[in-house]
Structures are given as C-alpha cells and as structure tokens.
C-alpha cells in the first residue's frame, strides 16, 4: 500500500498537467478574389478628363469590359461598342485587392496602368491612369457598371 500511494500521487500530478495544458492550433485560410472578380464582370462605360480639358465634355468617353478570367477590353474613345466610331481598342488584365481595382493595358504602343477605388457595391469607381509604371498623371476617370 505504501508503494501504491506515491505512484497514485505522481500519476495524478501528471494527469492534471496534461489536462491543463492549452494547445494552440493555427489554421491558414486562403481567400481568393473570385467573389469580387465575379462582382465586377460586365461592361463599365465612363468619362475621363485630361489636364486642360473640360471635365464635363462628354466626348471624353471610355468603356472597360471586365471578364471573369481577369482579362479586360478597353474601348478608349467611346461607350457604343457596336458602332464603327468606337475608337481604339486594347486588351489587358486587371486585379482587385480590397476595393482597389488595378488595370494593365497597351494602347498605341504605350503601356498604361490605372488604379481606381470601387464603391462597396461594386457598381461605381473613380481613379487615375498613367503611363506605366505610374497609375497617375495621364487621366482622371469615373465609371459605372451597366
């Protein structure tokens, strides 16, 4: 009996130590922009302003057509893509991070980057575009999803 009691006490102490130890479990979650990308897919006509031009001049139009695969098409001088007067067209790519939309495209041999801030409903944005690698300096624009 004398040998069993100390063995019992030692077992009880170890049991209490193991039960009271906290375990930390770390889980890594990867969130893709698929939901946001799907939210922006569609046709976005808009207006742009170049320095020195009237910002209300409706002839300064553009359109972006965003696709679900991260590619896009730019219609640089208009919003009516069915007419012959659509202006320059270019294909490019886009990326969404939070509420920031960044596009990359080439028109007339010049690489452009734009950065726009989306509203929380993904139906409106405003931003700037510039000659790569800068996304500012060339135009200021707004757009609405149709």
N, C-alpha and C. Protein backbone atom coordinates (compact mmCIF):
# COMPACT_ATOMS: atom_id res chain seq x y z
N UNK A 1 0.81 -1.18 0.00
CA UNK A 1 0.00 0.00 0.00
C UNK A 1 0.86 1.25 0.00
N UNK A 2 1.99 1.20 0.72
CA UNK A 2 2.85 2.37 0.79
C UNK A 2 3.44 2.69 -0.58
N UNK A 3 3.67 1.68 -1.43
CA UNK A 3 4.25 1.92 -2.75
C UNK A 3 3.20 2.40 -3.74
N UNK A 4 1.97 2.07 -3.55
CA UNK A 4 0.90 2.45 -4.48
C UNK A 4 0.52 3.92 -4.30
N UNK A 5 0.51 4.42 -3.07
CA UNK A 5 0.11 5.81 -2.82
C UNK A 5 1.01 6.82 -3.53
N UNK A 6 2.35 6.75 -3.41
CA UNK A 6 3.19 7.71 -4.14
C UNK A 6 3.01 7.58 -5.67
N UNK A 7 2.82 6.37 -6.16
CA UNK A 7 2.60 6.17 -7.58
C UNK A 7 1.29 6.82 -8.02
N UNK A 8 0.28 6.73 -7.18
CA UNK A 8 -1.00 7.36 -7.44
C UNK A 8 -0.87 8.88 -7.48
N UNK A 9 -0.14 9.46 -6.54
CA UNK A 9 0.05 10.92 -6.47
C UNK A 9 0.80 11.42 -7.71
N UNK A 10 1.83 10.70 -8.10
CA UNK A 10 2.61 11.10 -9.28
C UNK A 10 1.73 11.03 -10.53
N UNK A 11 0.95 9.98 -10.65
CA UNK A 11 0.05 9.84 -11.80
C UNK A 11 -0.98 10.96 -11.82
N UNK A 12 -1.51 11.32 -10.66
CA UNK A 12 -2.49 12.39 -10.56
C UNK A 12 -1.88 13.72 -10.97
N UNK A 13 -0.67 14.02 -10.56
CA UNK A 13 0.01 15.28 -10.92
C UNK A 13 0.22 15.34 -12.43
N UNK A 14 0.71 14.26 -13.02
CA UNK A 14 0.91 14.25 -14.48
C UNK A 14 -0.42 14.40 -15.23
N UNK A 15 -1.45 13.76 -14.74
CA UNK A 15 -2.76 13.86 -15.38
C UNK A 15 -3.27 15.30 -15.34
N UNK A 16 -3.10 15.97 -14.22
CA UNK A 16 -3.53 17.36 -14.07
C UNK A 16 -2.73 18.26 -15.01
N UNK A 17 -1.42 18.03 -15.12
CA UNK A 17 -0.57 18.83 -16.00
C UNK A 17 -1.00 18.67 -17.46
N UNK A 18 -1.24 17.46 -17.91
CA UNK A 18 -1.60 17.23 -19.30
C UNK A 18 -2.99 17.77 -19.62
N UNK A 19 -3.91 17.67 -18.70
CA UNK A 19 -5.26 18.16 -18.93
C UNK A 19 -5.28 19.68 -18.94
N UNK A 20 -4.47 20.32 -18.13
CA UNK A 20 -4.49 21.77 -18.02
C UNK A 20 -3.67 22.47 -19.10
N UNK A 21 -2.86 21.75 -19.84
CA UNK A 21 -2.05 22.36 -20.91
C UNK A 21 -2.96 22.82 -22.04
N UNK A 22 -2.73 24.01 -22.51
CA UNK A 22 -3.50 24.53 -23.62
C UNK A 22 -2.77 24.23 -24.92
N UNK A 23 -3.53 23.85 -25.90
CA UNK A 23 -2.96 23.59 -27.21
C UNK A 23 -3.38 24.71 -28.14
N UNK A 24 -2.43 25.18 -28.92
CA UNK A 24 -2.71 26.24 -29.89
C UNK A 24 -2.74 25.61 -31.28
N UNK A 25 -3.83 25.82 -31.97
CA UNK A 25 -3.98 25.30 -33.32
C UNK A 25 -4.07 26.50 -34.26
N UNK A 26 -3.21 26.50 -35.25
CA UNK A 26 -3.21 27.58 -36.23
C UNK A 26 -3.75 27.04 -37.54
N UNK A 27 -4.75 27.73 -38.07
CA UNK A 27 -5.34 27.33 -39.35
C UNK A 27 -5.07 28.44 -40.36
N UNK A 28 -4.60 28.07 -41.52
CA UNK A 28 -4.36 29.03 -42.58
C UNK A 28 -5.53 28.99 -43.54
N UNK A 29 -6.12 30.15 -43.79
CA UNK A 29 -7.24 30.26 -44.71
C UNK A 29 -6.81 31.13 -45.87
N UNK A 30 -7.00 30.63 -47.08
CA UNK A 30 -6.67 31.39 -48.27
C UNK A 30 -7.96 31.90 -48.89
N UNK A 31 -8.03 33.22 -49.07
CA UNK A 31 -9.22 33.83 -49.66
C UNK A 31 -8.84 34.32 -51.05
N UNK A 32 -9.56 33.86 -52.04
CA UNK A 32 -9.31 34.28 -53.41
C UNK A 32 -10.27 35.41 -53.75
N UNK A 33 -9.93 36.19 -54.78
CA UNK A 33 -10.77 37.31 -55.16
C UNK A 33 -11.88 36.91 -56.12
N UNK A 34 -12.23 35.63 -56.18
CA UNK A 34 -13.23 35.14 -57.11
C UNK A 34 -14.56 35.86 -56.92
N UNK A 35 -14.99 36.02 -55.69
CA UNK A 35 -16.28 36.66 -55.45
C UNK A 35 -16.24 38.10 -55.94
N UNK A 36 -15.20 38.80 -55.61
CA UNK A 36 -15.09 40.18 -56.06
C UNK A 36 -14.92 40.26 -57.57
N UNK A 37 -14.13 39.35 -58.13
CA UNK A 37 -13.94 39.36 -59.58
C UNK A 37 -15.27 39.15 -60.27
N UNK A 38 -16.08 38.21 -59.78
CA UNK A 38 -17.39 37.99 -60.37
C UNK A 38 -18.28 39.21 -60.22
N UNK A 39 -18.09 39.99 -59.17
CA UNK A 39 -18.89 41.18 -58.94
C UNK A 39 -18.60 42.28 -59.94
N UNK A 40 -17.40 42.31 -60.48
CA UNK A 40 -17.03 43.39 -61.39
C UNK A 40 -17.24 43.02 -62.86
N UNK A 41 -17.44 41.75 -63.15
CA UNK A 41 -17.60 41.30 -64.52
C UNK A 41 -18.75 42.06 -65.18
N UNK A 42 -18.48 42.58 -66.37
CA UNK A 42 -19.50 43.30 -67.12
C UNK A 42 -18.93 44.51 -67.82
N UNK A 43 -19.83 45.31 -68.34
CA UNK A 43 -19.50 46.49 -69.14
C UNK A 43 -19.57 47.74 -68.27
N UNK A 44 -18.50 48.52 -68.27
CA UNK A 44 -18.40 49.72 -67.43
C UNK A 44 -18.10 50.94 -68.32
N UNK A 45 -19.11 51.67 -68.79
CA UNK A 45 -18.83 52.92 -69.50
C UNK A 45 -18.47 54.02 -68.52
N UNK A 46 -17.74 55.01 -69.02
CA UNK A 46 -17.37 56.11 -68.14
C UNK A 46 -16.85 57.32 -68.88
N UNK A 47 -16.45 58.28 -68.13
CA UNK A 47 -15.90 59.53 -68.65
C UNK A 47 -14.50 59.73 -68.07
N UNK A 48 -13.66 60.39 -68.85
CA UNK A 48 -12.33 60.72 -68.33
C UNK A 48 -12.02 62.18 -68.62
N UNK A 49 -11.09 62.69 -67.89
CA UNK A 49 -10.67 64.09 -68.03
C UNK A 49 -9.16 64.11 -68.16
N UNK A 50 -8.70 64.83 -69.16
CA UNK A 50 -7.27 65.05 -69.30
C UNK A 50 -6.98 66.47 -68.82
N UNK A 51 -5.81 66.69 -68.27
CA UNK A 51 -5.47 68.05 -67.84
C UNK A 51 -5.66 69.05 -68.98
N UNK A 52 -6.35 70.14 -68.69
CA UNK A 52 -6.59 71.18 -69.68
C UNK A 52 -7.89 71.03 -70.44
N UNK A 53 -8.64 69.94 -70.20
CA UNK A 53 -9.91 69.73 -70.87
C UNK A 53 -11.06 69.95 -69.90
N UNK A 54 -12.22 70.27 -70.45
CA UNK A 54 -13.42 70.45 -69.65
C UNK A 54 -13.86 69.09 -69.09
N UNK A 55 -13.97 68.93 -67.76
CA UNK A 55 -14.34 67.63 -67.21
C UNK A 55 -15.76 67.19 -67.55
N UNK A 56 -16.59 68.11 -67.99
CA UNK A 56 -17.97 67.76 -68.35
C UNK A 56 -18.13 67.51 -69.85
N UNK A 57 -17.02 67.49 -70.59
CA UNK A 57 -17.04 67.24 -72.01
C UNK A 57 -17.35 65.77 -72.25
N UNK A 58 -18.57 65.48 -72.72
CA UNK A 58 -19.00 64.10 -72.89
C UNK A 58 -18.31 63.38 -74.05
N UNK A 59 -17.48 64.06 -74.81
CA UNK A 59 -16.77 63.37 -75.89
C UNK A 59 -15.58 62.58 -75.34
N UNK A 60 -15.21 62.81 -74.09
CA UNK A 60 -14.10 62.09 -73.48
C UNK A 60 -14.66 60.87 -72.76
N UNK A 61 -15.04 59.88 -73.57
CA UNK A 61 -15.67 58.68 -73.03
C UNK A 61 -14.74 57.49 -73.19
N UNK A 62 -14.97 56.49 -72.37
CA UNK A 62 -14.24 55.23 -72.47
C UNK A 62 -15.16 54.14 -71.94
N UNK A 63 -14.78 52.92 -72.18
CA UNK A 63 -15.50 51.79 -71.60
C UNK A 63 -14.50 50.69 -71.28
N UNK A 64 -14.76 49.99 -70.19
CA UNK A 64 -13.99 48.80 -69.84
C UNK A 64 -14.97 47.63 -69.83
N UNK A 65 -14.56 46.53 -70.43
CA UNK A 65 -15.34 45.30 -70.38
C UNK A 65 -14.51 44.30 -69.58
N UNK A 66 -14.97 44.00 -68.36
CA UNK A 66 -14.24 43.09 -67.47
C UNK A 66 -14.78 41.67 -67.64
N UNK A 67 -13.86 40.74 -67.77
CA UNK A 67 -14.23 39.32 -67.91
C UNK A 67 -13.90 38.59 -66.61
N UNK A 68 -14.51 37.43 -66.42
CA UNK A 68 -14.34 36.67 -65.19
C UNK A 68 -12.95 36.09 -65.02
N UNK A 69 -12.20 35.94 -66.10
CA UNK A 69 -10.88 35.31 -66.03
C UNK A 69 -9.74 36.29 -65.74
N UNK A 70 -10.07 37.54 -65.38
CA UNK A 70 -9.03 38.53 -65.06
C UNK A 70 -8.54 39.31 -66.26
N UNK A 71 -9.17 39.10 -67.42
CA UNK A 71 -8.81 39.89 -68.60
C UNK A 71 -9.88 40.94 -68.83
N UNK A 72 -9.55 41.91 -69.66
CA UNK A 72 -10.47 43.01 -69.93
C UNK A 72 -10.22 43.56 -71.32
N UNK A 73 -11.17 44.33 -71.81
CA UNK A 73 -11.01 45.06 -73.06
C UNK A 73 -11.31 46.52 -72.78
N UNK A 74 -10.47 47.39 -73.33
CA UNK A 74 -10.64 48.84 -73.20
C UNK A 74 -11.14 49.38 -74.53
N UNK A 75 -12.19 50.18 -74.48
CA UNK A 75 -12.66 50.94 -75.63
C UNK A 75 -12.32 52.39 -75.30
N UNK A 76 -11.26 52.91 -75.91
CA UNK A 76 -10.64 54.14 -75.43
C UNK A 76 -11.42 55.41 -75.74
N UNK A 77 -12.21 55.42 -76.78
CA UNK A 77 -12.84 56.69 -77.15
C UNK A 77 -14.34 56.61 -77.28
N UNK A 78 -14.98 55.74 -76.55
CA UNK A 78 -16.43 55.69 -76.66
C UNK A 78 -17.06 54.65 -75.79
N UNK A 79 -18.38 54.70 -75.78
CA UNK A 79 -19.14 53.73 -75.00
C UNK A 79 -20.04 52.88 -75.87
N UNK A 80 -20.18 53.25 -77.16
CA UNK A 80 -21.01 52.47 -78.07
C UNK A 80 -20.11 51.53 -78.85
N UNK A 81 -19.99 50.30 -78.36
CA UNK A 81 -19.06 49.34 -78.97
C UNK A 81 -19.62 48.71 -80.24
N UNK A 82 -20.88 49.02 -80.60
CA UNK A 82 -21.47 48.46 -81.81
C UNK A 82 -21.22 49.32 -83.03
N UNK A 83 -20.75 50.55 -82.84
CA UNK A 83 -20.54 51.45 -83.98
C UNK A 83 -19.09 51.37 -84.45
N UNK A 84 -18.86 51.92 -85.62
CA UNK A 84 -17.51 51.95 -86.18
C UNK A 84 -16.68 53.04 -85.50
N UNK A 85 -17.32 53.88 -84.74
CA UNK A 85 -16.65 55.01 -84.11
C UNK A 85 -16.27 54.71 -82.66
N UNK A 86 -15.88 53.47 -82.38
CA UNK A 86 -15.56 53.09 -81.01
C UNK A 86 -14.19 53.60 -80.59
N UNK A 87 -13.36 53.98 -81.53
CA UNK A 87 -12.01 54.46 -81.18
C UNK A 87 -11.06 53.29 -81.04
N UNK A 88 -10.03 53.50 -80.26
CA UNK A 88 -9.03 52.46 -80.09
C UNK A 88 -9.52 51.39 -79.12
N UNK A 89 -9.16 50.15 -79.44
CA UNK A 89 -9.48 49.03 -78.56
C UNK A 89 -8.17 48.39 -78.11
N UNK A 90 -8.18 47.89 -76.90
CA UNK A 90 -7.00 47.20 -76.38
C UNK A 90 -7.44 46.16 -75.38
N UNK A 91 -6.71 45.07 -75.32
CA UNK A 91 -6.95 44.06 -74.31
C UNK A 91 -5.92 44.22 -73.20
N UNK A 92 -6.32 43.82 -72.01
CA UNK A 92 -5.42 43.93 -70.87
C UNK A 92 -5.85 42.99 -69.76
N UNK A 93 -5.33 43.24 -68.58
CA UNK A 93 -5.66 42.44 -67.40
C UNK A 93 -6.03 43.38 -66.26
N UNK A 94 -6.64 42.80 -65.24
CA UNK A 94 -6.99 43.59 -64.05
C UNK A 94 -6.80 42.75 -62.81
N UNK A 95 -6.70 43.45 -61.68
CA UNK A 95 -6.54 42.80 -60.38
C UNK A 95 -7.35 43.59 -59.36
N UNK A 96 -7.94 42.88 -58.42
CA UNK A 96 -8.72 43.52 -57.36
C UNK A 96 -8.10 43.16 -56.03
N UNK A 97 -7.85 44.18 -55.22
CA UNK A 97 -7.36 43.98 -53.86
C UNK A 97 -8.20 44.86 -52.95
N UNK A 98 -9.06 44.25 -52.16
CA UNK A 98 -9.98 45.04 -51.34
C UNK A 98 -10.93 45.79 -52.24
N UNK A 99 -10.95 47.11 -52.14
CA UNK A 99 -11.78 47.95 -53.01
C UNK A 99 -10.94 48.69 -54.05
N UNK A 100 -9.70 48.23 -54.27
CA UNK A 100 -8.83 48.85 -55.27
C UNK A 100 -8.77 47.97 -56.51
N UNK A 101 -9.08 48.58 -57.64
CA UNK A 101 -9.04 47.91 -58.93
C UNK A 101 -7.87 48.46 -59.72
N UNK A 102 -6.97 47.59 -60.16
CA UNK A 102 -5.81 48.00 -60.95
C UNK A 102 -5.90 47.32 -62.31
N UNK A 103 -5.70 48.11 -63.39
CA UNK A 103 -5.74 47.55 -64.74
C UNK A 103 -4.40 47.78 -65.42
N UNK A 104 -4.09 46.91 -66.36
CA UNK A 104 -2.86 46.98 -67.14
C UNK A 104 -3.24 46.76 -68.60
N UNK A 105 -2.90 47.72 -69.50
CA UNK A 105 -3.23 47.57 -70.91
C UNK A 105 -2.28 48.40 -71.76
N UNK A 106 -2.30 48.15 -73.08
CA UNK A 106 -1.43 48.84 -74.01
C UNK A 106 -2.29 49.41 -75.12
N UNK A 107 -2.18 50.72 -75.35
CA UNK A 107 -2.89 51.38 -76.44
C UNK A 107 -1.87 52.13 -77.28
N UNK A 108 -1.88 51.87 -78.57
CA UNK A 108 -0.99 52.59 -79.48
C UNK A 108 0.48 52.42 -79.15
N UNK A 109 0.86 51.29 -78.60
CA UNK A 109 2.25 51.05 -78.26
C UNK A 109 2.69 51.59 -76.91
N UNK A 110 1.77 52.17 -76.17
CA UNK A 110 2.08 52.71 -74.84
C UNK A 110 1.41 51.87 -73.77
N UNK A 111 2.19 51.45 -72.78
CA UNK A 111 1.64 50.70 -71.65
C UNK A 111 1.01 51.66 -70.66
N UNK A 112 -0.20 51.33 -70.21
CA UNK A 112 -0.91 52.14 -69.22
C UNK A 112 -1.25 51.29 -68.01
N UNK A 113 -1.34 51.95 -66.87
CA UNK A 113 -1.82 51.35 -65.63
C UNK A 113 -2.85 52.31 -65.06
N UNK A 114 -3.95 51.75 -64.59
CA UNK A 114 -4.93 52.59 -63.89
C UNK A 114 -5.18 52.00 -62.51
N UNK A 115 -5.50 52.87 -61.59
CA UNK A 115 -5.86 52.46 -60.23
C UNK A 115 -7.14 53.20 -59.88
N UNK A 116 -8.16 52.43 -59.49
CA UNK A 116 -9.45 53.01 -59.16
C UNK A 116 -9.94 52.47 -57.83
N UNK A 117 -10.73 53.27 -57.16
CA UNK A 117 -11.37 52.86 -55.91
C UNK A 117 -12.82 52.53 -56.22
N UNK A 118 -13.20 51.30 -55.89
CA UNK A 118 -14.58 50.83 -56.09
C UNK A 118 -15.44 51.20 -54.89
N UNK A 119 -16.72 51.43 -55.15
CA UNK A 119 -17.63 51.58 -54.03
C UNK A 119 -17.95 50.18 -53.48
N UNK A 120 -18.54 50.11 -52.32
CA UNK A 120 -18.74 48.83 -51.64
C UNK A 120 -19.73 47.91 -52.36
N UNK A 121 -20.54 48.46 -53.27
CA UNK A 121 -21.50 47.64 -54.01
C UNK A 121 -20.95 47.19 -55.37
N UNK A 122 -19.73 47.60 -55.69
CA UNK A 122 -19.09 47.23 -56.96
C UNK A 122 -19.90 47.68 -58.17
N UNK A 123 -20.44 48.90 -58.11
CA UNK A 123 -21.19 49.45 -59.24
C UNK A 123 -20.64 50.79 -59.71
N UNK A 124 -19.65 51.35 -59.03
CA UNK A 124 -19.10 52.65 -59.38
C UNK A 124 -17.63 52.67 -58.98
N UNK A 125 -16.81 53.36 -59.78
CA UNK A 125 -15.42 53.59 -59.38
C UNK A 125 -14.92 54.91 -59.92
N UNK A 126 -13.86 55.37 -59.30
CA UNK A 126 -13.16 56.56 -59.79
C UNK A 126 -11.67 56.33 -59.57
N UNK A 127 -10.87 56.87 -60.50
CA UNK A 127 -9.45 56.63 -60.38
C UNK A 127 -8.62 57.46 -61.33
N UNK A 128 -7.38 57.07 -61.47
CA UNK A 128 -6.44 57.76 -62.35
C UNK A 128 -5.71 56.72 -63.20
N UNK A 129 -5.21 57.18 -64.35
CA UNK A 129 -4.42 56.32 -65.23
C UNK A 129 -3.19 57.07 -65.66
N UNK A 130 -2.15 56.32 -65.93
CA UNK A 130 -0.91 56.94 -66.37
C UNK A 130 -0.07 55.97 -67.18
N UNK A 131 0.99 56.53 -67.75
CA UNK A 131 1.95 55.69 -68.47
C UNK A 131 2.65 54.81 -67.45
N UNK A 132 2.73 53.50 -67.76
CA UNK A 132 3.39 52.56 -66.86
C UNK A 132 4.83 53.02 -66.63
N UNK A 133 5.34 52.93 -65.44
CA UNK A 133 4.83 52.17 -64.30
C UNK A 133 3.96 52.98 -63.35
N UNK A 134 3.59 54.22 -63.70
CA UNK A 134 2.77 55.04 -62.81
C UNK A 134 1.30 54.92 -63.19
N UNK A 135 0.43 54.93 -62.19
CA UNK A 135 -1.01 54.89 -62.46
C UNK A 135 -1.63 56.28 -62.33
N UNK A 136 -0.82 57.32 -62.45
CA UNK A 136 -1.37 58.67 -62.36
C UNK A 136 -0.68 59.56 -63.38
N UNK A 137 -1.30 60.71 -63.61
CA UNK A 137 -0.67 61.71 -64.45
C UNK A 137 -1.28 61.87 -65.82
N UNK A 138 -1.97 60.86 -66.34
CA UNK A 138 -2.50 60.96 -67.69
C UNK A 138 -3.96 61.38 -67.70
N UNK A 139 -4.82 60.64 -66.99
CA UNK A 139 -6.24 60.99 -66.93
C UNK A 139 -6.81 60.67 -65.56
N UNK A 140 -7.93 61.32 -65.27
CA UNK A 140 -8.77 61.02 -64.11
C UNK A 140 -10.08 60.50 -64.69
N UNK A 141 -10.64 59.42 -64.12
CA UNK A 141 -11.84 58.85 -64.73
C UNK A 141 -12.83 58.37 -63.69
N UNK A 142 -14.07 58.22 -64.14
CA UNK A 142 -15.15 57.63 -63.35
C UNK A 142 -15.84 56.60 -64.24
N UNK A 143 -16.46 55.61 -63.64
CA UNK A 143 -17.20 54.61 -64.41
C UNK A 143 -18.31 53.99 -63.58
N UNK A 144 -19.32 53.52 -64.28
CA UNK A 144 -20.48 52.87 -63.66
C UNK A 144 -20.75 51.56 -64.36
N UNK A 145 -21.05 50.53 -63.57
CA UNK A 145 -21.37 49.24 -64.16
C UNK A 145 -22.76 49.27 -64.77
N UNK A 146 -22.89 48.73 -65.98
CA UNK A 146 -24.21 48.66 -66.61
C UNK A 146 -24.84 47.34 -66.31
